[in-house]
Amino acid sequence: MPNIKSAAKRLRSNVKKRLVNRMRKSRIHTSEINLNEEIGSGNKENAVALLSKCFSELDKAAKIGTIHSNKADRKKQRLAARVAKMA
């Protein structure tokens, strides 16, 4: 239990931020799973649409600091390479 008011407020805000970060990471993970399923099925049109959705989720997470921007860029590069390889 915190003894200082600011520490108590920080504790409350950390709980909220942790939930937002977990939600954002879950969205990223779900979009990656959906994209991987489309890559596996071989449907390039749906894969390209899901790729842009996945890019959006990664960019949003990097913008607010849930994940590092370099990690987002690395994931985007690898996913785009997998979609491009479908040809």
PDB file of N, CA and C in Angstrom:
ATOM      1  N   MET A   1       0.840  -1.176   0.000  1.00  0.00           N
ATOM      2  CA  MET A   1       0.000   0.000   0.000  1.00  0.00           C
ATOM      3  C   MET A   1       0.885   1.238   0.000  1.00  0.00           C
ATOM      4  N   PRO A   2       0.662   2.150  -0.912  1.00  0.00           N
ATOM      5  CA  PRO A   2       1.471   3.367  -0.954  1.00  0.00           C
ATOM      6  C   PRO A   2       1.104   4.325   0.181  1.00  0.00           C
ATOM      7  N   ASN A   3       2.106   5.013   0.681  1.00  0.00           N
ATOM      8  CA  ASN A   3       1.899   5.978   1.753  1.00  0.00           C
ATOM      9  C   ASN A   3       1.724   7.388   1.214  1.00  0.00           C
ATOM     10  N   ILE A   4       2.134   7.620  -0.016  1.00  0.00           N
ATOM     11  CA  ILE A   4       2.127   8.956  -0.592  1.00  0.00           C
ATOM     12  C   ILE A   4       1.011   9.036  -1.628  1.00  0.00           C
ATOM     13  N   LYS A   5       0.345  10.209  -1.697  1.00  0.00           N
ATOM     14  CA  LYS A   5      -0.782  10.383  -2.614  1.00  0.00           C
ATOM     15  C   LYS A   5      -0.383  10.133  -4.063  1.00  0.00           C
ATOM     16  N   SER A   6       0.757  10.666  -4.455  1.00  0.00           N
ATOM     17  CA  SER A   6       1.178  10.517  -5.854  1.00  0.00           C
ATOM     18  C   SER A   6       1.479   9.055  -6.184  1.00  0.00           C
ATOM     19  N   ALA A   7       1.977   8.312  -5.195  1.00  0.00           N
ATOM     20  CA  ALA A   7       2.247   6.893  -5.423  1.00  0.00           C
ATOM     21  C   ALA A   7       0.945   6.116  -5.593  1.00  0.00           C
ATOM     22  N   ALA A   8      -0.081   6.507  -4.847  1.00  0.00           N
ATOM     23  CA  ALA A   8      -1.389   5.851  -4.985  1.00  0.00           C
ATOM     24  C   ALA A   8      -1.979   6.140  -6.356  1.00  0.00           C
ATOM     25  N   LYS A   9      -1.851   7.381  -6.815  1.00  0.00           N
ATOM     26  CA  LYS A   9      -2.362   7.744  -8.133  1.00  0.00           C
ATOM     27  C   LYS A   9      -1.594   6.999  -9.222  1.00  0.00           C
ATOM     28  N   ARG A  10      -0.291   6.895  -9.055  1.00  0.00           N
ATOM     29  CA  ARG A  10       0.529   6.176 -10.021  1.00  0.00           C
ATOM     30  C   ARG A  10       0.113   4.708 -10.088  1.00  0.00           C
ATOM     31  N   LEU A  11      -0.218   4.133  -8.946  1.00  0.00           N
ATOM     32  CA  LEU A  11      -0.670   2.746  -8.896  1.00  0.00           C
ATOM     33  C   LEU A  11      -1.967   2.570  -9.683  1.00  0.00           C
ATOM     34  N   ARG A  12      -2.894   3.520  -9.527  1.00  0.00           N
ATOM     35  CA  ARG A  12      -4.159   3.445 -10.262  1.00  0.00           C
ATOM     36  C   ARG A  12      -3.937   3.624 -11.762  1.00  0.00           C
ATOM     37  N   SER A  13      -3.097   4.564 -12.137  1.00  0.00           N
ATOM     38  CA  SER A  13      -2.872   4.813 -13.567  1.00  0.00           C
ATOM     39  C   SER A  13      -2.119   3.654 -14.214  1.00  0.00           C
ATOM     40  N   ASN A  14      -1.244   3.000 -13.458  1.00  0.00           N
ATOM     41  CA  ASN A  14      -0.514   1.855 -14.009  1.00  0.00           C
ATOM     42  C   ASN A  14      -1.450   0.704 -14.330  1.00  0.00           C
ATOM     43  N   VAL A  15      -2.471   0.520 -13.514  1.00  0.00           N
ATOM     44  CA  VAL A  15      -3.442  -0.539 -13.775  1.00  0.00           C
ATOM     45  C   VAL A  15      -4.159  -0.261 -15.090  1.00  0.00           C
ATOM     46  N   LYS A  16      -4.577   0.980 -15.306  1.00  0.00           N
ATOM     47  CA  LYS A  16      -5.274   1.344 -16.537  1.00  0.00           C
ATOM     48  C   LYS A  16      -4.365   1.178 -17.751  1.00  0.00           C
ATOM     49  N   LYS A  17      -3.127   1.634 -17.635  1.00  0.00           N
ATOM     50  CA  LYS A  17      -2.196   1.532 -18.754  1.00  0.00           C
ATOM     51  C   LYS A  17      -1.870   0.083 -19.084  1.00  0.00           C
ATOM     52  N   ARG A  18      -1.773  -0.755 -18.049  1.00  0.00           N
ATOM     53  CA  ARG A  18      -1.482  -2.168 -18.272  1.00  0.00           C
ATOM     54  C   ARG A  18      -2.614  -2.825 -19.055  1.00  0.00           C
ATOM     55  N   LEU A  19      -3.865  -2.473 -18.733  1.00  0.00           N
ATOM     56  CA  LEU A  19      -5.003  -3.028 -19.454  1.00  0.00           C
ATOM     57  C   LEU A  19      -5.021  -2.570 -20.911  1.00  0.00           C
ATOM     58  N   VAL A  20      -4.711  -1.299 -21.154  1.00  0.00           N
ATOM     59  CA  VAL A  20      -4.681  -0.776 -22.520  1.00  0.00           C
ATOM     60  C   VAL A  20      -3.578  -1.456 -23.317  1.00  0.00           C
ATOM     61  N   ASN A  21      -2.414  -1.628 -22.711  1.00  0.00           N
ATOM     62  CA  ASN A  21      -1.304  -2.277 -23.404  1.00  0.00           C
ATOM     63  C   ASN A  21      -1.632  -3.739 -23.722  1.00  0.00           C
ATOM     64  N   ARG A  22      -2.286  -4.420 -22.773  1.00  0.00           N
ATOM     65  CA  ARG A  22      -2.639  -5.818 -23.002  1.00  0.00           C
ATOM     66  C   ARG A  22      -3.662  -5.928 -24.133  1.00  0.00           C
ATOM     67  N   MET A  23      -4.622  -4.996 -24.165  1.00  0.00           N
ATOM     68  CA  MET A  23      -5.620  -4.989 -25.219  1.00  0.00           C
ATOM     69  C   MET A  23      -4.965  -4.762 -26.579  1.00  0.00           C
ATOM     70  N   ARG A  24      -4.039  -3.813 -26.637  1.00  0.00           N
ATOM     71  CA  ARG A  24      -3.374  -3.475 -27.896  1.00  0.00           C
ATOM     72  C   ARG A  24      -2.540  -4.663 -28.384  1.00  0.00           C
ATOM     73  N   LYS A  25      -1.810  -5.322 -27.477  1.00  0.00           N
ATOM     74  CA  LYS A  25      -1.010  -6.482 -27.868  1.00  0.00           C
ATOM     75  C   LYS A  25      -1.895  -7.635 -28.322  1.00  0.00           C
ATOM     76  N   SER A  26      -3.044  -7.787 -27.687  1.00  0.00           N
ATOM     77  CA  SER A  26      -3.970  -8.834 -28.079  1.00  0.00           C
ATOM     78  C   SER A  26      -4.505  -8.582 -29.484  1.00  0.00           C
ATOM     79  N   ARG A  27      -4.800  -7.323 -29.811  1.00  0.00           N
ATOM     80  CA  ARG A  27      -5.260  -6.981 -31.156  1.00  0.00           C
ATOM     81  C   ARG A  27      -4.192  -7.294 -32.195  1.00  0.00           C
ATOM     82  N   ILE A  28      -2.937  -6.983 -31.871  1.00  0.00           N
ATOM     83  CA  ILE A  28      -1.829  -7.279 -32.788  1.00  0.00           C
ATOM     84  C   ILE A  28      -1.745  -8.781 -33.021  1.00  0.00           C
ATOM     85  N   HIS A  29      -1.795  -9.533 -31.929  1.00  0.00           N
ATOM     86  CA  HIS A  29      -1.668 -10.986 -32.018  1.00  0.00           C
ATOM     87  C   HIS A  29      -2.806 -11.581 -32.842  1.00  0.00           C
ATOM     88  N   THR A  30      -4.022 -11.102 -32.623  1.00  0.00           N
ATOM     89  CA  THR A  30      -5.174 -11.609 -33.362  1.00  0.00           C
ATOM     90  C   THR A  30      -5.062 -11.293 -34.846  1.00  0.00           C
ATOM     91  N   SER A  31      -4.642 -10.083 -35.172  1.00  0.00           N
ATOM     92  CA  SER A  31      -4.517  -9.721 -36.590  1.00  0.00           C
ATOM     93  C   SER A  31      -3.419 -10.536 -37.267  1.00  0.00           C
ATOM     94  N   GLU A  32      -2.337 -10.837 -36.546  1.00  0.00           N
ATOM     95  CA  GLU A  32      -1.284 -11.674 -37.108  1.00  0.00           C
ATOM     96  C   GLU A  32      -1.782 -13.101 -37.350  1.00  0.00           C
ATOM     97  N   ILE A  33      -2.573 -13.628 -36.431  1.00  0.00           N
ATOM     98  CA  ILE A  33      -3.111 -14.980 -36.594  1.00  0.00           C
ATOM     99  C   ILE A  33      -4.024 -15.033 -37.819  1.00  0.00           C
ATOM    100  N   ASN A  34      -4.896 -14.029 -37.956  1.00  0.00           N
ATOM    101  CA  ASN A  34      -5.798 -13.993 -39.112  1.00  0.00           C
ATOM    102  C   ASN A  34      -5.015 -13.891 -40.415  1.00  0.00           C
ATOM    103  N   LEU A  35      -3.963 -13.082 -40.423  1.00  0.00           N
ATOM    104  CA  LEU A  35      -3.139 -12.940 -41.622  1.00  0.00           C
ATOM    105  C   LEU A  35      -2.436 -14.251 -41.949  1.00  0.00           C
ATOM    106  N   ASN A  36      -1.906 -14.916 -40.948  1.00  0.00           N
ATOM    107  CA  ASN A  36      -1.214 -16.183 -41.181  1.00  0.00           C
ATOM    108  C   ASN A  36      -2.164 -17.250 -41.720  1.00  0.00           C
ATOM    109  N   GLU A  37      -3.420 -17.231 -41.262  1.00  0.00           N
ATOM    110  CA  GLU A  37      -4.397 -18.183 -41.786  1.00  0.00           C
ATOM    111  C   GLU A  37      -4.678 -17.918 -43.265  1.00  0.00           C
ATOM    112  N   GLU A  38      -4.769 -16.644 -43.641  1.00  0.00           N
ATOM    113  CA  GLU A  38      -5.011 -16.310 -45.047  1.00  0.00           C
ATOM    114  C   GLU A  38      -3.801 -16.655 -45.910  1.00  0.00           C
ATOM    115  N   ILE A  39      -2.605 -16.454 -45.378  1.00  0.00           N
ATOM    116  CA  ILE A  39      -1.399 -16.828 -46.120  1.00  0.00           C
ATOM    117  C   ILE A  39      -1.384 -18.340 -46.336  1.00  0.00           C
ATOM    118  N   GLY A  40      -1.772 -19.080 -45.303  1.00  0.00           N
ATOM    119  CA  GLY A  40      -1.819 -20.534 -45.417  1.00  0.00           C
ATOM    120  C   GLY A  40      -2.847 -21.020 -46.416  1.00  0.00           C
ATOM    121  N   SER A  41      -3.975 -20.310 -46.497  1.00  0.00           N
ATOM    122  CA  SER A  41      -5.021 -20.728 -47.433  1.00  0.00           C
ATOM    123  C   SER A  41      -4.701 -20.318 -48.865  1.00  0.00           C
ATOM    124  N   GLY A  42      -3.787 -19.350 -49.039  1.00  0.00           N
ATOM    125  CA  GLY A  42      -3.363 -18.951 -50.375  1.00  0.00           C
ATOM    126  C   GLY A  42      -4.216 -17.877 -51.019  1.00  0.00           C
ATOM    127  N   ASN A  43      -5.068 -17.225 -50.271  1.00  0.00           N
ATOM    128  CA  ASN A  43      -5.931 -16.180 -50.804  1.00  0.00           C
ATOM    129  C   ASN A  43      -5.211 -14.838 -50.703  1.00  0.00           C
ATOM    130  N   LYS A  44      -4.630 -14.394 -51.817  1.00  0.00           N
ATOM    131  CA  LYS A  44      -3.780 -13.204 -51.784  1.00  0.00           C
ATOM    132  C   LYS A  44      -4.574 -11.921 -51.562  1.00  0.00           C
ATOM    133  N   GLU A  45      -5.787 -11.808 -52.126  1.00  0.00           N
ATOM    134  CA  GLU A  45      -6.566 -10.577 -51.978  1.00  0.00           C
ATOM    135  C   GLU A  45      -6.917 -10.319 -50.516  1.00  0.00           C
ATOM    136  N   ASN A  46      -7.385 -11.370 -49.835  1.00  0.00           N
ATOM    137  CA  ASN A  46      -7.708 -11.223 -48.412  1.00  0.00           C
ATOM    138  C   ASN A  46      -6.450 -10.992 -47.586  1.00  0.00           C
ATOM    139  N   ALA A  47      -5.350 -11.617 -47.979  1.00  0.00           N
ATOM    140  CA  ALA A  47      -4.101 -11.450 -47.239  1.00  0.00           C
ATOM    141  C   ALA A  47      -3.612 -10.006 -47.320  1.00  0.00           C
ATOM    142  N   VAL A  48      -3.751  -9.380 -48.493  1.00  0.00           N
ATOM    143  CA  VAL A  48      -3.320  -7.984 -48.643  1.00  0.00           C
ATOM    144  C   VAL A  48      -4.197  -7.075 -47.793  1.00  0.00           C
ATOM    145  N   ALA A  49      -5.500  -7.352 -47.742  1.00  0.00           N
ATOM    146  CA  ALA A  49      -6.402  -6.544 -46.918  1.00  0.00           C
ATOM    147  C   ALA A  49      -6.064  -6.696 -45.435  1.00  0.00           C
ATOM    148  N   LEU A  50      -5.805  -7.924 -45.015  1.00  0.00           N
ATOM    149  CA  LEU A  50      -5.457  -8.149 -43.611  1.00  0.00           C
ATOM    150  C   LEU A  50      -4.078  -7.605 -43.282  1.00  0.00           C
ATOM    151  N   LEU A  51      -3.198  -7.553 -44.281  1.00  0.00           N
ATOM    152  CA  LEU A  51      -1.864  -6.990 -44.058  1.00  0.00           C
ATOM    153  C   LEU A  51      -1.961  -5.510 -43.694  1.00  0.00           C
ATOM    154  N   SER A  52      -2.821  -4.774 -44.388  1.00  0.00           N
ATOM    155  CA  SER A  52      -2.957  -3.351 -44.069  1.00  0.00           C
ATOM    156  C   SER A  52      -3.567  -3.167 -42.683  1.00  0.00           C
ATOM    157  N   LYS A  53      -4.490  -4.043 -42.288  1.00  0.00           N
ATOM    158  CA  LYS A  53      -5.070  -3.975 -40.944  1.00  0.00           C
ATOM    159  C   LYS A  53      -4.009  -4.260 -39.890  1.00  0.00           C
ATOM    160  N   CYS A  54      -3.170  -5.229 -40.174  1.00  0.00           N
ATOM    161  CA  CYS A  54      -2.090  -5.597 -39.252  1.00  0.00           C
ATOM    162  C   CYS A  54      -1.087  -4.449 -39.136  1.00  0.00           C
ATOM    163  N   PHE A  55      -0.769  -3.809 -40.267  1.00  0.00           N
ATOM    164  CA  PHE A  55       0.126  -2.648 -40.244  1.00  0.00           C
ATOM    165  C   PHE A  55      -0.454  -1.546 -39.367  1.00  0.00           C
ATOM    166  N   SER A  56      -1.747  -1.324 -39.488  1.00  0.00           N
ATOM    167  CA  SER A  56      -2.404  -0.286 -38.715  1.00  0.00           C
ATOM    168  C   SER A  56      -2.303  -0.564 -37.223  1.00  0.00           C
ATOM    169  N   GLU A  57      -2.564  -1.799 -36.828  1.00  0.00           N
ATOM    170  CA  GLU A  57      -2.482  -2.158 -35.410  1.00  0.00           C
ATOM    171  C   GLU A  57      -1.054  -2.000 -34.883  1.00  0.00           C
ATOM    172  N   LEU A  58      -0.073  -2.410 -35.676  1.00  0.00           N
ATOM    173  CA  LEU A  58       1.320  -2.282 -35.254  1.00  0.00           C
ATOM    174  C   LEU A  58       1.722  -0.816 -35.116  1.00  0.00           C
ATOM    175  N   ASP A  59       1.299   0.011 -36.064  1.00  0.00           N
ATOM    176  CA  ASP A  59       1.637   1.432 -36.002  1.00  0.00           C
ATOM    177  C   ASP A  59       0.996   2.121 -34.806  1.00  0.00           C
ATOM    178  N   LYS A  60      -0.249   1.769 -34.512  1.00  0.00           N
ATOM    179  CA  LYS A  60      -0.933   2.365 -33.364  1.00  0.00           C
ATOM    180  C   LYS A  60      -0.237   1.966 -32.061  1.00  0.00           C
ATOM    181  N   ALA A  61       0.160   0.709 -31.961  1.00  0.00           N
ATOM    182  CA  ALA A  61       0.833   0.241 -30.751  1.00  0.00           C
ATOM    183  C   ALA A  61       2.196   0.909 -30.581  1.00  0.00           C
ATOM    184  N   ALA A  62       2.900   1.113 -31.685  1.00  0.00           N
ATOM    185  CA  ALA A  62       4.207   1.766 -31.611  1.00  0.00           C
ATOM    186  C   ALA A  62       4.050   3.249 -31.276  1.00  0.00           C
ATOM    187  N   LYS A  63       2.978   3.858 -31.765  1.00  0.00           N
ATOM    188  CA  LYS A  63       2.770   5.288 -31.542  1.00  0.00           C
ATOM    189  C   LYS A  63       2.548   5.594 -30.062  1.00  0.00           C
ATOM    190  N   ILE A  64       1.786   4.737 -29.368  1.00  0.00           N
ATOM    191  CA  ILE A  64       1.513   5.014 -27.965  1.00  0.00           C
ATOM    192  C   ILE A  64       2.539   4.364 -27.036  1.00  0.00           C
ATOM    193  N   GLY A  65       3.475   3.596 -27.601  1.00  0.00           N
ATOM    194  CA  GLY A  65       4.569   3.069 -26.795  1.00  0.00           C
ATOM    195  C   GLY A  65       4.336   1.687 -26.232  1.00  0.00           C
ATOM    196  N   THR A  66       3.318   0.986 -26.704  1.00  0.00           N
ATOM    197  CA  THR A  66       3.089  -0.370 -26.222  1.00  0.00           C
ATOM    198  C   THR A  66       4.222  -1.284 -26.657  1.00  0.00           C
ATOM    199  N   ILE A  67       4.639  -1.139 -27.908  1.00  0.00           N
ATOM    200  CA  ILE A  67       5.802  -1.870 -28.402  1.00  0.00           C
ATOM    201  C   ILE A  67       6.773  -0.848 -28.988  1.00  0.00           C
ATOM    202  N   HIS A  68       8.011  -1.246 -29.129  1.00  0.00           N
ATOM    203  CA  HIS A  68       9.021  -0.353 -29.680  1.00  0.00           C
ATOM    204  C   HIS A  68       8.787  -0.196 -31.180  1.00  0.00           C
ATOM    205  N   SER A  69       9.099   0.964 -31.690  1.00  0.00           N
ATOM    206  CA  SER A  69       8.866   1.230 -33.111  1.00  0.00           C
ATOM    207  C   SER A  69       9.702   0.313 -33.998  1.00  0.00           C
ATOM    208  N   ASN A  70      10.901  -0.040 -33.557  1.00  0.00           N
ATOM    209  CA  ASN A  70      11.730  -0.956 -34.347  1.00  0.00           C
ATOM    210  C   ASN A  70      11.103  -2.351 -34.416  1.00  0.00           C
ATOM    211  N   LYS A  71      10.477  -2.776 -33.323  1.00  0.00           N
ATOM    212  CA  LYS A  71       9.803  -4.077 -33.326  1.00  0.00           C
ATOM    213  C   LYS A  71       8.630  -4.058 -34.293  1.00  0.00           C
ATOM    214  N   ALA A  72       7.876  -2.964 -34.307  1.00  0.00           N
ATOM    215  CA  ALA A  72       6.758  -2.840 -35.238  1.00  0.00           C
ATOM    216  C   ALA A  72       7.256  -2.880 -36.673  1.00  0.00           C
ATOM    217  N   ASP A  73       8.328  -2.154 -36.959  1.00  0.00           N
ATOM    218  CA  ASP A  73       8.882  -2.147 -38.316  1.00  0.00           C
ATOM    219  C   ASP A  73       9.376  -3.528 -38.731  1.00  0.00           C
ATOM    220  N   ARG A  74      10.011  -4.226 -37.807  1.00  0.00           N
ATOM    221  CA  ARG A  74      10.531  -5.564 -38.099  1.00  0.00           C
ATOM    222  C   ARG A  74       9.385  -6.528 -38.413  1.00  0.00           C
ATOM    223  N   LYS A  75       8.319  -6.478 -37.601  1.00  0.00           N
ATOM    224  CA  LYS A  75       7.175  -7.349 -37.841  1.00  0.00           C
ATOM    225  C   LYS A  75       6.503  -7.013 -39.168  1.00  0.00           C
ATOM    226  N   LYS A  76       6.373  -5.727 -39.475  1.00  0.00           N
ATOM    227  CA  LYS A  76       5.756  -5.312 -40.728  1.00  0.00           C
ATOM    228  C   LYS A  76       6.571  -5.810 -41.918  1.00  0.00           C
ATOM    229  N   GLN A  77       7.881  -5.712 -41.822  1.00  0.00           N
ATOM    230  CA  GLN A  77       8.746  -6.155 -42.915  1.00  0.00           C
ATOM    231  C   GLN A  77       8.609  -7.656 -43.145  1.00  0.00           C
ATOM    232  N   ARG A  78       8.597  -8.428 -42.077  1.00  0.00           N
ATOM    233  CA  ARG A  78       8.527  -9.879 -42.208  1.00  0.00           C
ATOM    234  C   ARG A  78       7.162 -10.331 -42.731  1.00  0.00           C
ATOM    235  N   LEU A  79       6.098  -9.677 -42.258  1.00  0.00           N
ATOM    236  CA  LEU A  79       4.762 -10.040 -42.737  1.00  0.00           C
ATOM    237  C   LEU A  79       4.598  -9.681 -44.208  1.00  0.00           C
ATOM    238  N   ALA A  80       5.107  -8.506 -44.589  1.00  0.00           N
ATOM    239  CA  ALA A  80       4.998  -8.087 -45.995  1.00  0.00           C
ATOM    240  C   ALA A  80       5.778  -9.035 -46.893  1.00  0.00           C
ATOM    241  N   ALA A  81       6.920  -9.521 -46.435  1.00  0.00           N
ATOM    242  CA  ALA A  81       7.717 -10.458 -47.223  1.00  0.00           C
ATOM    243  C   ALA A  81       6.970 -11.774 -47.406  1.00  0.00           C
ATOM    244  N   ARG A  82       6.258 -12.210 -46.376  1.00  0.00           N
ATOM    245  CA  ARG A  82       5.498 -13.469 -46.487  1.00  0.00           C
ATOM    246  C   ARG A  82       4.339 -13.328 -47.463  1.00  0.00           C
ATOM    247  N   VAL A  83       3.692 -12.157 -47.458  1.00  0.00           N
ATOM    248  CA  VAL A  83       2.584 -11.931 -48.397  1.00  0.00           C
ATOM    249  C   VAL A  83       3.127 -11.813 -49.817  1.00  0.00           C
ATOM    250  N   ALA A  84       4.253 -11.132 -49.979  1.00  0.00           N
ATOM    251  CA  ALA A  84       4.833 -10.975 -51.312  1.00  0.00           C
ATOM    252  C   ALA A  84       5.292 -12.313 -51.884  1.00  0.00           C
ATOM    253  N   LYS A  85       5.695 -13.210 -51.027  1.00  0.00           N
ATOM    254  CA  LYS A  85       6.174 -14.516 -51.474  1.00  0.00           C
ATOM    255  C   LYS A  85       5.025 -15.388 -52.009  1.00  0.00           C
ATOM    256  N   MET A  86       3.785 -15.024 -51.667  1.00  0.00           N
ATOM    257  CA  MET A  86       2.631 -15.835 -52.090  1.00  0.00           C
ATOM    258  C   MET A  86       2.517 -15.904 -53.616  1.00  0.00           C
ATOM    259  N   ALA A  87       2.723 -14.780 -54.283  1.00  0.00           N
ATOM    260  CA  ALA A  87       2.633 -14.644 -55.760  1.00  0.00           C
ATOM    261  C   ALA A  87       1.908 -15.764 -56.328  1.00  0.00           C
TER     262      ALA A  87
END
